[in-house]
Protein backbone atom coordinates (compact mmCIF):
# COMPACT_ATOMS: atom_id res chain seq x y z
CA PRO A 1 1.52 20.60 7.27
CA ARG A 2 -0.13 17.31 6.41
CA LEU A 3 0.62 15.16 3.46
CA ILE A 4 -3.06 14.48 2.77
CA PRO A 5 -5.57 17.25 3.71
CA MET A 6 -8.28 16.22 6.23
CA CYS A 7 -6.58 12.83 6.84
CA HIS A 8 -5.73 12.66 10.50
CA PRO A 9 -2.61 10.87 11.70
CA LEU A 10 -3.04 7.45 13.27
CA PRO A 11 -1.01 5.59 15.91
CA LEU A 12 -0.04 2.61 13.72
CA ASP A 13 0.65 -0.74 15.28
CA HIS A 14 2.37 -2.31 12.25
CA VAL A 15 3.34 -1.39 8.70
CA ALA A 16 4.95 -3.87 6.23
CA ILE A 17 6.06 -3.48 2.68
CA GLU A 18 6.81 -6.42 0.36
CA PHE A 19 8.54 -6.29 -3.03
CA HIS A 20 7.85 -8.99 -5.60
CA LEU A 21 10.29 -8.86 -8.55
CA ASP A 22 9.45 -10.40 -11.98
CA ARG A 23 12.69 -10.32 -14.04
CA ASP A 24 11.01 -11.70 -17.19
CA GLU A 25 8.39 -8.93 -17.18
CA SER A 26 10.84 -6.28 -15.69
CA THR A 27 8.24 -5.38 -13.05
CA VAL A 28 8.17 -4.85 -9.28
CA ASP A 29 4.86 -5.47 -7.44
CA ILE A 30 4.70 -3.63 -4.12
CA VAL A 31 2.35 -4.82 -1.35
CA ALA A 32 1.90 -2.55 1.65
CA SER A 33 -0.09 -3.50 4.74
CA ALA A 34 -0.90 -1.49 7.90
CA CYS A 35 -2.56 -2.33 11.18
CA VAL A 36 -4.02 -0.06 13.84
CA SER A 37 -5.91 -0.76 17.05
CA ALA A 38 -8.10 2.25 16.70
CA ARG A 39 -11.56 1.88 15.20
CA THR A 40 -10.80 3.73 12.06
CA GLY A 41 -9.73 2.95 8.49
CA VAL A 42 -6.04 2.62 7.72
CA GLU A 43 -6.24 2.55 3.90
CA MET A 44 -4.63 5.95 3.43
CA GLU A 45 -1.63 4.85 5.45
CA ALA A 46 -1.18 1.69 3.39
CA LEU A 47 -1.74 3.58 0.09
CA THR A 48 0.89 6.17 1.22
CA ALA A 49 3.39 3.44 2.10
CA ALA A 50 2.94 1.69 -1.32
CA SER A 51 3.16 5.01 -3.20
CA VAL A 52 6.36 6.15 -1.39
CA ALA A 53 7.89 2.72 -1.89
CA ALA A 54 7.13 2.89 -5.64
CA LEU A 55 8.59 6.46 -5.78
CA THR A 56 11.77 5.18 -4.06
CA VAL A 57 12.10 2.34 -6.55
CA TYR A 58 11.70 4.79 -9.41
CA ASP A 59 14.31 7.09 -7.92
CA MET A 60 16.78 4.29 -7.41
CA CYS A 61 16.29 2.88 -11.01
CA LYS A 62 15.81 6.02 -13.08
CA ALA A 63 19.41 5.94 -14.23
CA VAL A 64 18.70 2.55 -15.84
CA ASP A 65 15.25 3.28 -17.31
CA ARG A 66 13.61 6.76 -17.26
CA GLY A 67 10.58 5.28 -19.01
CA MET A 68 9.39 3.36 -15.97
CA VAL A 69 5.68 3.72 -15.08
CA ILE A 70 4.03 3.49 -11.66
CA THR A 71 0.56 1.98 -12.13
CA ASP A 72 -2.36 0.28 -10.35
CA ILE A 73 -2.10 1.60 -6.83
CA MET A 74 -5.27 0.23 -5.19
CA VAL A 75 -6.71 -1.23 -1.98
CA LEU A 76 -6.95 -5.02 -2.16
CA ASP A 77 -8.82 -5.50 1.08
CA LYS A 78 -9.83 -3.77 4.31
CA ARG A 79 -10.87 -5.27 7.59
CA GLY A 80 -12.17 -3.48 10.68
CA GLY A 81 -13.25 0.08 11.24
CA LYS A 82 -16.83 0.77 10.04
CA SER A 83 -16.84 -1.93 7.36
CA ASP A 84 -14.89 -4.74 5.67
CA TRP A 85 -14.21 -4.75 1.98
CA GLN A 86 -12.36 -7.00 -0.53
CA ARG A 87 -11.50 -6.39 -4.14
CA PRO A 88 -13.47 -8.90 -6.32
CA ASP A 89 -11.28 -11.71 -7.65
CA GLU A 90 -11.97 -10.95 -11.31
CA GLU A 91 -10.26 -7.51 -10.98
CA GLU A 92 -6.59 -6.98 -11.67
CA PRO A 93 -4.33 -7.83 -8.69
CA GLY A 94 -3.38 -4.71 -6.81
CA LEU A 95 -0.73 -3.30 -4.59
CA VAL A 96 -2.21 -2.38 -1.23
CA SER A 97 -3.71 -4.23 1.72
CA GLY A 98 -5.04 -2.57 4.84
CA ASP A 99 -5.96 -4.25 8.15
CA ASP A 100 -7.49 -2.14 10.90
CA SER A 101 -7.22 -4.88 13.48
CA ALA A 102 -4.10 -5.25 15.61
CA THR A 103 -2.11 -8.43 15.04
CA GLU A 104 0.38 -10.31 17.24
CA GLU A 105 3.69 -11.24 15.76
């Protein structure tokens, strides 16, 4: 069984997840990025990574605060595949970045 129907698995080249803590606001921003050499979109993989990371943070912290809320899961930008796209600057900062081009590290 697949996690997301009609979303085929991709051979990912790189996946990264960053956590940005704001103690004053009691928030955690999660940024997930994914890269693939194939000529296809990788947004679903990055969105899944960010979502699972957020669920993991919730599970680890629920004993402290059961009122936590997971919000604003979105694609920030996408490069490669059929088209490039970037969220306009005036919109709220998001949590997900997808890069379809392979990178060297």
